[in-house]
Amino acid sequence: MQQPLTASNLKITALSAIAIVFLLTMTATAGVAMSGSADDDRAFSVRCRLEVAGDLQTAAPDSKGVTLPMKADARLSFLERRLPAGGKDAEAFRSVRSYQVGEARIEVSGQPTENHLPADGRLIVAEGRSNGVRLWCPSQPMTFDSLDLLSTPGDSLALHALLPETEVEAGATWQPAFWVLPLLTGVEAVSKHELNCRLEKVDEKFAVIAVNGSVEGAIDGALTKIAVNGQVAWDLEKQHIRQAKITQTEERAVGVVSPGMKVTATMYVDRLPSSLGGPLSGSSVESIPIVPEAQQLALQFNSPWDFHFACDRNWHLFHQTNEVAVLRLVEKGSLIAQCNVSKVPQVAAGSHTPEQTFQNDIRTALAGQLQQMTKAEQLETTDGRWLYRVTATGMSNNRPMTWYYYLCAAPDGRQVAFAFSLETRFVEQFANRDLGFARSLTFGTRSGSTAARP
């Protein structure tokens, strides 16, 4: 039997209708929470593919330069787990990775080279910095080639800095903090930047963020402009970044350690929770320091001539052939020094090139520039190597110059020479860093391959 309609019933019915409308409205506009917290201790299987295409611009005496078409294809696969924050802002983002795959094929003007991650030293720490993601190995120095291979735009750790700090609704926009774009792109000395994110779409499974921005600044002292756009997909059920596609279009002027470039780089990232956390658990991970030691941040140069040495990260491998390697020291965007490393003909075991012959070679190399050799000395070693250092001064292009020349001979007669050159005004800032090269020099079978660089 139908209940009679009364004033009381009408009031209850009206309140119920209002409540239903309110709930429907709340459901339609409910915010989405996306947090890439360092407290998430899950291990993730991460697969990345990087595609690069464009042109490199090299310096030339006529100032016109040479344009070289280039393309690259890199593939990375690793297990990753977040680590406790190491500081504020970019430094709050830290992770440890165990790499299974690391390989790249680079083609410059039709000439291909390949870069492969060596079998040892595959446990890598990634940590945010104001000029990008810094990578280092807890057990040994990384090589120049390994660092080049693993340092990519759209790094999976940096993607977390794009997430909103509060719940957002579909269509909502936000601007990440000023340090996020340098973290994502590796640009330093930022002069201009803009970064916008928008919750583009929300469905039953994913929330999709659209990313768009640009930044101007420098990379290793070279003026750089980068435009960034892409998408990041957040898994609503499992609460993590599931996929991303980030494209960077970069214009970089010719620098003191890198060619100019006009390239487009697209990074594809795929992430899934993994139960294979073995390499990322135990004492090896628990002992990772918040602040790495100097030797953990050092870079190792592996020569084609069966020796290696270590140096700090302000040194850059500028050029390499089968006869010589050229490294340059850059600090705060300025070129401080250059080091030429070359193989010297082998002599009989237990001997070395005579000191006077070596000094005569220096006089020949510095013809028209040398004013005097201020010091020549044999340095002590503990491993049987013969180590000889010559300090010279002079003028080049009307600028006072200082040179440090080294000759090092192994007990079996293999030899190598270092030639450091710098303006005399930088001697104090240089702080005898040449001694670190010479004292860390080790002869023997190299631990990784180093390809010739154009």
Protein backbone atom coordinates (compact mmCIF):
# COMPACT_ATOMS: atom_id res chain seq x y z
CA MET A 1 0.00 0.00 0.00
CA GLN A 2 1.44 3.42 -1.03
CA GLN A 3 2.42 5.65 1.90
CA PRO A 4 0.49 8.93 2.01
CA LEU A 5 2.57 11.93 0.93
CA THR A 6 3.03 14.27 3.89
CA ALA A 7 5.10 17.38 4.58
CA SER A 8 7.56 15.27 6.57
CA ASN A 9 7.93 12.79 3.71
CA LEU A 10 8.48 15.64 1.24
CA LYS A 11 11.28 17.04 3.43
CA ILE A 12 13.05 13.67 3.68
CA THR A 13 12.72 13.09 -0.07
CA ALA A 14 14.21 16.51 -0.83
CA LEU A 15 17.15 15.96 1.53
CA SER A 16 17.82 12.56 -0.03
CA ALA A 17 17.83 14.07 -3.51
CA ILE A 18 20.29 16.77 -2.43
CA ALA A 19 22.58 14.15 -0.88
CA ILE A 20 22.53 12.06 -4.06
CA VAL A 21 23.37 15.09 -6.23
CA PHE A 22 26.21 16.02 -3.83
CA LEU A 23 27.67 12.51 -3.93
CA LEU A 24 27.47 12.41 -7.73
CA THR A 25 29.22 15.77 -7.91
CA MET A 26 31.95 14.60 -5.53
CA THR A 27 32.46 11.45 -7.62
CA ALA A 28 32.72 13.41 -10.84
CA THR A 29 35.25 15.89 -9.46
CA ALA A 30 37.21 13.65 -7.07
CA GLY A 31 40.89 14.54 -7.00
CA VAL A 32 43.67 12.12 -7.98
CA ALA A 33 46.63 11.64 -5.64
CA MET A 34 49.93 10.80 -7.32
CA SER A 35 52.90 10.53 -5.01
CA GLY A 36 56.31 9.16 -5.95
CA SER A 37 57.40 9.02 -2.34
CA ALA A 38 60.86 7.85 -1.29
CA ASP A 39 59.02 5.75 1.31
CA ASP A 40 57.88 3.41 -1.48
CA ASP A 41 60.37 0.57 -0.98
CA ARG A 42 59.09 -1.58 -3.85
CA ALA A 43 61.51 -2.73 -6.53
CA PHE A 44 60.56 -1.87 -10.11
CA SER A 45 61.58 -3.38 -13.39
CA VAL A 46 62.38 -0.47 -15.71
CA ARG A 47 62.89 -0.66 -19.45
CA CYS A 48 63.97 2.38 -21.45
CA ARG A 49 64.57 3.14 -25.09
CA LEU A 50 66.18 6.35 -26.29
CA GLU A 51 66.04 7.53 -29.90
CA VAL A 52 68.10 10.53 -31.02
CA ALA A 53 68.32 12.15 -34.45
CA GLY A 54 69.68 15.45 -35.74
CA ASP A 55 72.94 17.20 -36.57
CA LEU A 56 76.21 17.84 -34.78
CA GLN A 57 78.18 21.02 -35.44
CA THR A 58 81.95 20.96 -35.08
CA ALA A 59 84.26 23.96 -34.87
CA ALA A 60 86.54 24.74 -37.81
CA PRO A 61 89.31 27.28 -38.50
CA ASP A 62 87.11 29.19 -40.96
CA SER A 63 84.46 29.59 -38.22
CA LYS A 64 81.82 28.04 -40.46
CA GLY A 65 82.12 24.64 -38.85
CA VAL A 66 81.13 21.27 -40.22
CA THR A 67 77.66 19.77 -39.92
CA LEU A 68 77.50 16.03 -39.33
CA PRO A 69 74.21 14.10 -39.35
CA MET A 70 73.83 11.78 -36.38
CA LYS A 71 71.41 9.28 -34.94
CA ALA A 72 71.49 7.03 -31.90
CA ASP A 73 69.46 4.19 -30.46
CA ALA A 74 70.00 3.12 -26.85
CA ARG A 75 68.36 0.44 -24.72
CA LEU A 76 68.51 0.20 -20.94
CA SER A 77 66.95 -2.32 -18.57
CA PHE A 78 67.37 -2.33 -14.80
CA LEU A 79 65.79 -3.02 -11.42
CA GLU A 80 65.29 0.16 -9.39
CA ARG A 81 64.38 0.95 -5.79
CA ARG A 82 64.08 4.32 -4.09
CA LEU A 83 66.56 5.29 -1.39
CA PRO A 84 66.05 7.68 1.55
CA ALA A 85 66.24 11.35 0.62
CA GLY A 86 69.67 12.93 0.64
CA GLY A 87 68.48 16.52 1.07
CA LYS A 88 65.84 18.94 -0.16
CA ASP A 89 64.44 19.66 -3.61
CA ALA A 90 66.33 17.69 -6.29
CA GLU A 91 68.51 16.01 -3.67
CA ALA A 92 65.45 14.33 -2.17
CA PHE A 93 65.35 11.98 -5.19
CA ARG A 94 67.67 8.99 -4.86
CA SER A 95 67.52 5.39 -6.09
CA VAL A 96 69.70 2.33 -6.54
CA ARG A 97 69.72 0.35 -9.77
CA SER A 98 70.92 -3.04 -10.92
CA TYR A 99 71.42 -2.91 -14.69
CA GLN A 100 70.80 -5.97 -16.85
CA VAL A 101 71.03 -4.27 -20.24
CA GLY A 102 72.95 -1.20 -21.33
CA GLU A 103 73.75 -0.73 -25.00
CA ALA A 104 73.77 2.01 -27.61
CA ARG A 105 74.53 2.36 -31.29
CA ILE A 106 75.62 5.82 -32.43
CA GLU A 107 76.06 6.80 -36.07
CA VAL A 108 77.79 10.06 -36.97
CA SER A 109 78.03 10.95 -40.67
CA GLY A 110 77.49 7.30 -41.54
CA GLN A 111 80.22 5.98 -39.21
CA PRO A 112 78.79 3.69 -36.51
CA THR A 113 80.14 3.07 -33.02
CA GLU A 114 78.71 1.00 -30.20
CA ASN A 115 78.78 1.41 -26.45
CA HIS A 116 78.09 -1.50 -24.09
CA LEU A 117 77.91 -1.48 -20.32
CA PRO A 118 80.74 -3.66 -18.92
CA ALA A 119 79.83 -6.77 -16.95
CA ASP A 120 81.24 -5.43 -13.69
CA GLY A 121 80.07 -2.36 -11.80
CA ARG A 122 76.39 -2.63 -12.74
CA LEU A 123 75.04 -1.59 -9.33
CA ILE A 124 74.53 2.14 -9.78
CA VAL A 125 73.23 4.90 -7.51
CA ALA A 126 71.13 7.65 -9.12
CA GLU A 127 70.60 10.87 -7.22
CA GLY A 128 69.08 14.20 -8.11
CA ARG A 129 71.18 17.32 -8.42
CA SER A 130 70.43 20.87 -9.52
CA ASN A 131 71.98 20.10 -12.92
CA GLY A 132 70.57 16.64 -13.57
CA VAL A 133 70.74 13.09 -12.26
CA ARG A 134 74.16 12.10 -10.93
CA LEU A 135 75.15 8.45 -11.37
CA TRP A 136 77.91 6.64 -9.50
CA CYS A 137 78.97 3.12 -8.62
CA PRO A 138 79.53 2.19 -4.95
CA SER A 139 82.17 -0.47 -5.72
CA GLN A 140 84.43 1.18 -8.33
CA PRO A 141 84.82 4.30 -10.50
CA MET A 142 82.57 4.49 -13.54
CA THR A 143 84.19 4.83 -16.95
CA PHE A 144 83.59 7.79 -19.26
CA ASP A 145 81.76 5.51 -21.69
CA SER A 146 79.50 4.01 -19.02
CA LEU A 147 78.54 7.44 -17.74
CA ASP A 148 77.75 8.61 -21.28
CA LEU A 149 75.62 5.53 -21.88
CA LEU A 150 73.55 5.75 -18.69
CA SER A 151 73.08 9.54 -18.58
CA THR A 152 69.87 10.11 -20.53
CA PRO A 153 67.09 12.69 -20.85
CA GLY A 154 63.81 11.71 -19.22
CA ASP A 155 65.51 9.67 -16.49
CA SER A 156 62.99 7.48 -14.63
CA LEU A 157 63.99 8.98 -11.27
CA ALA A 158 63.53 12.58 -12.46
CA LEU A 159 60.02 11.79 -13.73
CA HIS A 160 58.78 11.61 -10.14
CA ALA A 161 59.49 15.31 -9.69
CA LEU A 162 56.75 16.07 -12.25
CA LEU A 163 54.01 14.63 -10.03
CA PRO A 164 51.69 17.11 -8.23
CA GLU A 165 52.19 17.69 -4.52
CA THR A 166 48.43 17.58 -3.82
CA GLU A 167 45.37 15.88 -5.26
CA VAL A 168 44.34 17.25 -8.66
CA GLU A 169 41.25 16.90 -10.80
CA ALA A 170 41.07 16.08 -14.50
CA GLY A 171 41.98 19.19 -16.49
CA ALA A 172 43.87 20.76 -13.59
CA THR A 173 47.29 22.35 -14.22
CA TRP A 174 50.33 22.94 -12.03
CA GLN A 175 53.85 24.29 -12.31
CA PRO A 176 56.58 22.12 -10.76
CA ALA A 177 59.30 23.82 -8.73
CA PHE A 178 62.09 25.74 -10.54
CA TRP A 179 64.64 22.94 -9.97
CA VAL A 180 62.57 20.23 -11.72
CA LEU A 181 63.38 21.20 -15.32
CA PRO A 182 67.17 21.32 -14.74
CA LEU A 183 66.89 17.94 -13.00
CA LEU A 184 65.04 16.52 -16.01
CA THR A 185 67.29 18.03 -18.71
CA GLY A 186 70.72 18.43 -17.14
CA VAL A 187 70.89 22.16 -17.89
CA GLU A 188 72.97 24.27 -15.51
CA ALA A 189 73.29 28.04 -15.07
CA VAL A 190 69.62 28.43 -16.01
CA SER A 191 68.71 31.86 -17.36
CA LYS A 192 65.12 31.20 -18.43
CA HIS A 193 62.68 28.37 -17.83
CA GLU A 194 59.01 27.44 -17.93
CA LEU A 195 57.38 24.12 -17.11
CA ASN A 196 53.68 23.26 -17.04
CA CYS A 197 51.88 20.00 -16.25
CA ARG A 198 48.22 19.15 -16.81
CA LEU A 199 46.15 16.16 -15.77
CA GLU A 200 45.08 15.40 -19.30
CA LYS A 201 42.92 12.33 -18.79
CA VAL A 202 41.67 10.00 -16.06
CA ASP A 203 40.03 6.65 -16.71
CA GLU A 204 39.54 3.47 -14.69
CA LYS A 205 43.21 2.47 -14.85
CA PHE A 206 45.43 5.47 -15.52
CA ALA A 207 45.84 9.16 -14.91
CA VAL A 208 47.77 10.77 -17.78
CA ILE A 209 49.87 13.90 -17.24
CA ALA A 210 50.82 16.14 -20.17
CA VAL A 211 54.20 17.87 -19.80
CA ASN A 212 55.32 20.97 -21.68
CA GLY A 213 58.21 23.34 -21.04
CA SER A 214 61.42 25.01 -22.16
CA VAL A 215 64.71 25.99 -20.58
CA GLU A 216 67.73 28.10 -21.53
CA GLY A 217 71.10 27.89 -19.86
CA ALA A 218 74.34 25.99 -20.36
CA ILE A 219 75.70 22.46 -20.35
CA ASP A 220 79.44 22.22 -19.65
CA GLY A 221 79.72 25.89 -20.54
CA ALA A 222 77.96 25.64 -23.92
CA LEU A 223 74.82 27.78 -24.39
CA THR A 224 71.81 25.50 -24.62
CA LYS A 225 68.08 25.75 -25.39
CA ILE A 226 65.81 22.77 -24.76
CA ALA A 227 62.08 22.31 -25.37
CA VAL A 228 60.40 19.47 -23.47
CA ASN A 229 57.05 17.81 -24.06
CA GLY A 230 55.56 14.42 -23.34
CA GLN A 231 53.21 12.34 -21.24
CA VAL A 232 53.46 10.41 -17.98
CA ALA A 233 50.93 7.68 -17.13
CA TRP A 234 50.17 6.96 -13.46
CA ASP A 235 48.74 3.54 -12.49
CA LEU A 236 45.76 4.32 -10.26
CA GLU A 237 45.47 0.85 -8.77
CA LYS A 238 49.14 0.10 -8.03
CA GLN A 239 50.09 3.71 -7.37
CA HIS A 240 53.22 4.24 -9.44
CA ILE A 241 54.43 5.73 -12.71
CA ARG A 242 53.63 3.10 -15.31
CA GLN A 243 54.87 4.60 -18.57
CA ALA A 244 56.28 7.82 -19.96
CA LYS A 245 57.29 9.36 -23.24
CA ILE A 246 59.49 12.46 -22.99
CA THR A 247 60.80 14.33 -26.04
CA GLN A 248 63.59 16.91 -25.82
CA THR A 249 64.48 19.17 -28.74
CA GLU A 250 67.89 20.68 -28.09
CA GLU A 251 69.97 23.42 -29.66
CA ARG A 252 73.47 23.65 -28.20
CA ALA A 253 76.33 25.89 -29.27
CA VAL A 254 79.80 24.47 -29.90
CA GLY A 255 81.46 24.15 -26.49
CA VAL A 256 84.95 23.55 -25.18
CA VAL A 257 84.21 19.86 -24.53
CA SER A 258 81.28 19.07 -26.82
CA PRO A 259 80.12 19.75 -30.38
CA GLY A 260 77.20 21.98 -31.15
CA MET A 261 73.97 20.17 -31.86
CA LYS A 262 70.43 20.41 -33.13
CA VAL A 263 68.85 17.13 -32.09
CA THR A 264 65.57 15.60 -30.98
CA ALA A 265 65.76 12.92 -28.32
CA THR A 266 62.76 10.78 -27.31
CA MET A 267 62.86 8.60 -24.23
CA TYR A 268 60.31 5.79 -23.71
CA VAL A 269 60.03 4.46 -20.15
CA ASP A 270 58.10 1.39 -18.96
CA ARG A 271 57.91 0.49 -15.24
CA LEU A 272 56.38 -2.50 -13.44
CA PRO A 273 56.61 -3.66 -9.83
CA SER A 274 59.01 -6.58 -9.54
CA SER A 275 59.48 -9.38 -7.05
CA LEU A 276 63.10 -9.80 -8.17
CA GLY A 277 64.58 -7.47 -5.61
CA GLY A 278 67.57 -9.68 -4.80
CA PRO A 279 70.32 -7.39 -6.16
CA LEU A 280 68.65 -4.43 -4.44
CA SER A 281 68.55 -5.87 -0.96
CA GLY A 282 71.09 -6.88 1.63
CA SER A 283 74.24 -5.25 2.94
CA SER A 284 75.44 -3.98 -0.45
CA VAL A 285 72.46 -1.61 -0.64
CA GLU A 286 72.13 -0.87 3.06
CA SER A 287 75.73 0.34 3.16
CA ILE A 288 75.26 2.93 0.37
CA PRO A 289 76.30 6.27 1.87
CA ILE A 290 74.23 9.45 1.66
CA VAL A 291 77.40 11.31 0.63
CA PRO A 292 79.65 9.30 -1.73
CA GLU A 293 83.41 9.29 -1.26
CA ALA A 294 85.72 10.95 -3.78
CA GLN A 295 86.85 7.64 -5.29
CA GLN A 296 83.22 6.62 -5.85
CA LEU A 297 82.62 9.78 -7.87
CA ALA A 298 85.88 9.51 -9.81
CA LEU A 299 85.88 8.53 -13.48
CA GLN A 300 88.19 5.91 -14.91
CA PHE A 301 89.81 6.28 -18.32
CA ASN A 302 90.50 2.95 -20.01
CA SER A 303 92.97 3.39 -22.83
CA PRO A 304 93.35 1.20 -25.93
CA TRP A 305 96.97 0.66 -24.81
CA ASP A 306 96.39 -1.47 -21.71
CA PHE A 307 96.52 1.11 -18.93
CA HIS A 308 93.99 3.16 -16.99
CA PHE A 309 93.87 6.08 -14.59
CA ALA A 310 91.28 7.99 -12.56
CA CYS A 311 90.26 11.64 -12.50
CA ASP A 312 87.49 13.82 -11.09
CA ARG A 313 84.27 14.54 -12.99
CA ASN A 314 85.25 18.00 -14.09
CA TRP A 315 87.48 16.29 -16.65
CA HIS A 316 85.81 15.43 -19.97
CA LEU A 317 87.00 13.08 -22.69
CA PHE A 318 87.08 15.54 -25.59
CA HIS A 319 88.65 13.51 -28.38
CA GLN A 320 90.19 10.08 -28.87
CA THR A 321 91.91 8.19 -31.65
CA ASN A 322 94.11 5.10 -31.68
CA GLU A 323 97.14 7.34 -31.10
CA VAL A 324 96.08 10.01 -28.59
CA ALA A 325 93.34 10.89 -26.12
CA VAL A 326 92.51 14.50 -25.23
CA LEU A 327 90.84 15.37 -21.92
CA ARG A 328 89.74 18.84 -20.87
CA LEU A 329 89.10 20.24 -17.41
CA VAL A 330 86.04 22.53 -17.19
CA GLU A 331 84.88 24.30 -14.05
CA LYS A 332 81.92 26.69 -13.89
CA GLY A 333 81.77 26.69 -17.67
CA SER A 334 85.41 27.74 -18.16
CA LEU A 335 88.20 25.70 -19.74
CA ILE A 336 90.95 25.37 -17.13
CA ALA A 337 93.36 22.82 -18.59
CA GLN A 338 93.92 20.21 -21.28
CA CYS A 339 95.67 16.85 -21.03
CA ASN A 340 96.98 14.89 -24.01
CA VAL A 341 97.59 11.21 -23.30
CA SER A 342 99.71 9.23 -25.75
CA LYS A 343 101.47 5.91 -25.98
CA VAL A 344 105.27 6.00 -26.13
CA PRO A 345 107.27 3.27 -27.90
CA GLN A 346 108.08 0.35 -25.64
CA VAL A 347 111.66 -0.13 -24.47
CA ALA A 348 113.53 -3.02 -22.90
CA ALA A 349 112.21 -4.30 -19.58
CA GLY A 350 113.62 -2.37 -16.65
CA SER A 351 114.52 0.68 -18.76
CA HIS A 352 112.89 3.88 -20.03
CA THR A 353 113.35 6.68 -22.54
CA PRO A 354 116.37 8.74 -21.34
CA GLU A 355 115.50 11.94 -19.49
CA GLN A 356 117.46 14.13 -21.90
CA THR A 357 115.67 12.60 -24.88
CA PHE A 358 112.32 13.29 -23.23
CA GLN A 359 113.31 16.90 -22.54
CA ASN A 360 114.40 17.36 -26.14
CA ASP A 361 111.02 16.05 -27.28
CA ILE A 362 109.35 18.69 -25.09
CA ARG A 363 111.50 21.44 -26.64
CA THR A 364 110.44 20.27 -30.07
CA ALA A 365 106.75 20.16 -29.12
CA LEU A 366 106.88 23.67 -27.61
CA ALA A 367 108.98 25.28 -30.31
CA GLY A 368 108.36 29.04 -30.36
CA GLN A 369 106.47 28.91 -27.04
CA LEU A 370 108.90 27.53 -24.46
CA GLN A 371 110.77 30.00 -22.28
CA GLN A 372 112.24 27.68 -19.66
CA MET A 373 112.00 24.31 -17.98
CA THR A 374 111.63 25.26 -14.36
CA LYS A 375 111.82 21.79 -12.85
CA ALA A 376 112.59 18.19 -13.80
CA GLU A 377 112.18 15.45 -11.21
CA GLN A 378 111.75 11.74 -10.76
CA LEU A 379 108.74 10.94 -8.56
CA GLU A 380 108.62 8.04 -6.15
CA THR A 381 106.28 5.11 -6.83
CA THR A 382 105.40 1.99 -4.88
CA ASP A 383 104.72 -0.42 -7.75
CA GLY A 384 107.98 -0.44 -9.70
CA ARG A 385 106.96 2.21 -12.25
CA TRP A 386 109.44 4.88 -13.32
CA LEU A 387 107.73 8.29 -13.18
CA TYR A 388 109.33 11.50 -14.46
CA ARG A 389 107.83 15.02 -14.38
CA VAL A 390 108.95 18.18 -16.19
CA THR A 391 107.48 21.62 -15.47
CA ALA A 392 107.83 24.27 -18.20
CA THR A 393 106.67 27.85 -18.73
CA GLY A 394 106.28 30.06 -21.78
CA MET A 395 103.87 32.04 -23.94
CA SER A 396 101.11 31.03 -26.32
CA ASN A 397 98.91 33.54 -28.15
CA ASN A 398 100.39 36.26 -25.91
CA ARG A 399 99.26 34.44 -22.77
CA PRO A 400 101.57 33.10 -20.04
CA MET A 401 101.39 29.31 -20.05
CA THR A 402 102.44 26.44 -17.79
CA TRP A 403 103.00 22.87 -18.95
CA TYR A 404 103.44 19.63 -16.99
CA TYR A 405 104.94 16.72 -18.91
CA TYR A 406 105.07 13.16 -17.60
CA LEU A 407 106.81 10.05 -18.79
CA CYS A 408 105.83 6.83 -17.07
CA ALA A 409 107.43 3.44 -17.75
CA ALA A 410 106.17 0.08 -16.53
CA PRO A 411 108.67 -2.55 -15.30
CA ASP A 412 108.17 -4.46 -18.58
CA GLY A 413 109.10 -1.42 -20.70
CA ARG A 414 105.65 -0.16 -21.73
CA GLN A 415 105.48 3.64 -21.64
CA VAL A 416 102.91 6.42 -21.65
CA ALA A 417 103.18 10.22 -21.71
CA PHE A 418 100.94 12.95 -20.31
CA ALA A 419 101.08 16.57 -21.47
CA PHE A 420 99.10 19.06 -19.37
CA SER A 421 98.70 22.65 -20.61
CA LEU A 422 97.03 25.57 -18.85
CA GLU A 423 97.24 29.31 -18.59
CA THR A 424 99.54 30.26 -15.73
CA ARG A 425 96.73 32.22 -14.06
CA PHE A 426 94.94 28.90 -13.47
CA VAL A 427 97.87 27.13 -11.76
CA GLU A 428 96.55 27.71 -8.25
CA GLN A 429 93.04 26.61 -9.20
CA PHE A 430 94.47 23.56 -11.00
CA ALA A 431 96.02 22.50 -7.68
CA ASN A 432 98.43 19.85 -9.03
CA ARG A 433 95.65 17.64 -10.32
CA ASP A 434 98.14 16.25 -12.81
CA LEU A 435 99.69 14.28 -9.95
CA GLY A 436 96.40 12.41 -9.47
CA PHE A 437 96.51 11.17 -13.08
CA ALA A 438 100.09 9.97 -12.77
CA ARG A 439 99.77 8.34 -9.36
CA SER A 440 96.56 6.48 -10.27
CA LEU A 441 98.05 5.17 -13.54
CA THR A 442 97.98 1.38 -13.69
CA PHE A 443 99.34 -0.80 -16.47
CA GLY A 444 97.59 -4.05 -17.29
CA THR A 445 94.65 -5.48 -19.15
CA ARG A 446 91.93 -2.85 -19.38
CA SER A 447 88.58 -3.67 -17.74
CA GLY A 448 86.42 -2.20 -20.49
CA SER A 449 86.55 -1.08 -24.09
CA THR A 450 86.96 2.51 -25.12
CA ALA A 451 86.05 3.34 -28.68
CA ALA A 452 87.65 6.08 -30.73
CA ARG A 453 85.59 9.28 -30.61
CA PRO A 454 85.01 11.67 -33.51
